[in-house]
Amino acid sequence: MKHAREDYNRIQDPAGLIPDEEPVMVFRGQDIAAPAALRAYAVAAAAAGASDQLVLSVLKHARAMEEWQRLVARKTPDLATTIQR
């Protein structure tokens, strides 16, 4: 699994379902751009024929991220690992 950020290499796939060279992207709840990215993904997934269940799950996650940002922390996307409160 190839992460976009080196510090995310500790995130593993214990079941071995993701090939070593497959690119993977992780969006954290604190990332202020993440909810919009998830909503765009939901639209693209729906257009590609994804199930309503998947689309609704992604949209629910976007709302959960916004709630996290409101209650806990949010930050501008960057390559650092610190949180702005």
C-alpha atoms as a PDB file:
ATOM      1  CA  MET A   1       0.000   0.000   0.000  1.00  0.00           C
ATOM      2  CA  LYS A   2       1.543   3.305  -1.080  1.00  0.00           C
ATOM      3  CA  HIS A   3       0.445   6.303   0.979  1.00  0.00           C
ATOM      4  CA  ALA A   4       0.646   9.880  -0.226  1.00  0.00           C
ATOM      5  CA  ARG A   5       2.332  10.820   3.076  1.00  0.00           C
ATOM      6  CA  GLU A   6       5.347   8.983   4.477  1.00  0.00           C
ATOM      7  CA  ASP A   7       4.094   9.369   8.072  1.00  0.00           C
ATOM      8  CA  TYR A   8       0.998   7.337   7.138  1.00  0.00           C
ATOM      9  CA  ASN A   9       3.079   4.291   6.177  1.00  0.00           C
ATOM     10  CA  ARG A  10       2.342   2.919   9.649  1.00  0.00           C
ATOM     11  CA  ILE A  11      -1.270   2.398   8.522  1.00  0.00           C
ATOM     12  CA  GLN A  12      -1.327  -1.220   7.433  1.00  0.00           C
ATOM     13  CA  ASP A  13      -3.612  -3.731   5.749  1.00  0.00           C
ATOM     14  CA  PRO A  14      -3.339  -6.812   8.011  1.00  0.00           C
ATOM     15  CA  ALA A  15      -5.634  -8.868   5.764  1.00  0.00           C
ATOM     16  CA  GLY A  16      -3.384  -8.181   2.775  1.00  0.00           C
ATOM     17  CA  LEU A  17      -6.261  -7.068   0.534  1.00  0.00           C
ATOM     18  CA  ILE A  18      -4.434  -4.015  -0.863  1.00  0.00           C
ATOM     19  CA  PRO A  19      -1.435  -4.734  -3.122  1.00  0.00           C
ATOM     20  CA  ASP A  20       1.896  -3.248  -1.994  1.00  0.00           C
ATOM     21  CA  GLU A  21       2.137  -0.848  -4.938  1.00  0.00           C
ATOM     22  CA  GLU A  22      -1.504   0.306  -4.968  1.00  0.00           C
ATOM     23  CA  PRO A  23      -1.791   4.032  -4.158  1.00  0.00           C
ATOM     24  CA  VAL A  24      -3.954   4.772  -1.096  1.00  0.00           C
ATOM     25  CA  MET A  25      -5.138   8.140   0.215  1.00  0.00           C
ATOM     26  CA  VAL A  26      -6.215   8.796   3.811  1.00  0.00           C
ATOM     27  CA  PHE A  27      -8.357  11.807   4.714  1.00  0.00           C
ATOM     28  CA  ARG A  28      -8.358  12.741   8.384  1.00  0.00           C
ATOM     29  CA  GLY A  29     -11.335  14.225  10.171  1.00  0.00           C
ATOM     30  CA  GLN A  30      -9.373  17.359  11.052  1.00  0.00           C
ATOM     31  CA  ASP A  31      -8.649  18.172   7.366  1.00  0.00           C
ATOM     32  CA  ILE A  32     -10.919  21.091   6.404  1.00  0.00           C
ATOM     33  CA  ALA A  33     -10.921  19.950   2.761  1.00  0.00           C
ATOM     34  CA  ALA A  34     -11.902  16.352   3.539  1.00  0.00           C
ATOM     35  CA  PRO A  35     -15.711  16.718   3.743  1.00  0.00           C
ATOM     36  CA  ALA A  36     -15.827  18.420   0.326  1.00  0.00           C
ATOM     37  CA  ALA A  37     -13.533  15.745  -1.110  1.00  0.00           C
ATOM     38  CA  LEU A  38     -15.825  13.022   0.223  1.00  0.00           C
ATOM     39  CA  ARG A  39     -18.902  14.720  -1.212  1.00  0.00           C
ATOM     40  CA  ALA A  40     -17.224  14.975  -4.626  1.00  0.00           C
ATOM     41  CA  TYR A  41     -16.299  11.288  -4.340  1.00  0.00           C
ATOM     42  CA  ALA A  42     -19.914  10.396  -3.491  1.00  0.00           C
ATOM     43  CA  VAL A  43     -21.135  12.170  -6.636  1.00  0.00           C
ATOM     44  CA  ALA A  44     -18.485  10.467  -8.794  1.00  0.00           C
ATOM     45  CA  ALA A  45     -19.194   7.082  -7.222  1.00  0.00           C
ATOM     46  CA  ALA A  46     -22.943   7.465  -7.824  1.00  0.00           C
ATOM     47  CA  ALA A  47     -22.293   8.414 -11.465  1.00  0.00           C
ATOM     48  CA  ALA A  48     -20.104   5.316 -11.816  1.00  0.00           C
ATOM     49  CA  GLY A  49     -22.936   3.102 -10.565  1.00  0.00           C
ATOM     50  CA  ALA A  50     -22.012   2.682  -6.881  1.00  0.00           C
ATOM     51  CA  SER A  51     -24.776   1.531  -4.579  1.00  0.00           C
ATOM     52  CA  ASP A  52     -26.938   4.027  -2.735  1.00  0.00           C
ATOM     53  CA  GLN A  53     -25.683   2.436   0.486  1.00  0.00           C
ATOM     54  CA  LEU A  54     -22.069   3.314  -0.364  1.00  0.00           C
ATOM     55  CA  VAL A  55     -22.959   6.863  -1.406  1.00  0.00           C
ATOM     56  CA  LEU A  56     -24.979   7.473   1.760  1.00  0.00           C
ATOM     57  CA  SER A  57     -22.179   6.023   3.892  1.00  0.00           C
ATOM     58  CA  VAL A  58     -19.643   8.403   2.334  1.00  0.00           C
ATOM     59  CA  LEU A  59     -21.957  11.393   2.851  1.00  0.00           C
ATOM     60  CA  LYS A  60     -22.535  10.361   6.477  1.00  0.00           C
ATOM     61  CA  HIS A  61     -18.762  10.250   6.970  1.00  0.00           C
ATOM     62  CA  ALA A  62     -18.439  13.768   5.507  1.00  0.00           C
ATOM     63  CA  ARG A  63     -20.966  15.035   8.063  1.00  0.00           C
ATOM     64  CA  ALA A  64     -19.123  13.219  10.868  1.00  0.00           C
ATOM     65  CA  MET A  65     -15.888  14.932   9.811  1.00  0.00           C
ATOM     66  CA  GLU A  66     -17.565  18.342   9.938  1.00  0.00           C
ATOM     67  CA  GLU A  67     -18.838  17.567  13.432  1.00  0.00           C
ATOM     68  CA  TRP A  68     -15.329  16.488  14.488  1.00  0.00           C
ATOM     69  CA  GLN A  69     -13.950  19.764  13.174  1.00  0.00           C
ATOM     70  CA  ARG A  70     -16.595  21.750  15.031  1.00  0.00           C
ATOM     71  CA  LEU A  71     -16.018  19.950  18.342  1.00  0.00           C
ATOM     72  CA  VAL A  72     -12.371  18.818  18.330  1.00  0.00           C
ATOM     73  CA  ALA A  73      -9.928  20.186  15.781  1.00  0.00           C
ATOM     74  CA  ARG A  74      -9.485  21.318  12.222  1.00  0.00           C
ATOM     75  CA  LYS A  75      -6.518  22.255  10.100  1.00  0.00           C
ATOM     76  CA  THR A  76      -5.551  23.306   6.624  1.00  0.00           C
ATOM     77  CA  PRO A  77      -4.236  20.402   4.547  1.00  0.00           C
ATOM     78  CA  ASP A  78      -0.447  20.176   4.574  1.00  0.00           C
ATOM     79  CA  LEU A  79       2.317  17.636   4.973  1.00  0.00           C
ATOM     80  CA  ALA A  80       2.808  18.275   8.709  1.00  0.00           C
ATOM     81  CA  THR A  81       1.376  16.195  11.529  1.00  0.00           C
ATOM     82  CA  THR A  82       0.483  18.914  14.058  1.00  0.00           C
ATOM     83  CA  ILE A  83      -3.093  19.986  14.825  1.00  0.00           C
ATOM     84  CA  GLN A  84      -4.405  23.565  14.985  1.00  0.00           C
ATOM     85  CA  ARG A  85      -7.071  24.060  17.648  1.00  0.00           C
END
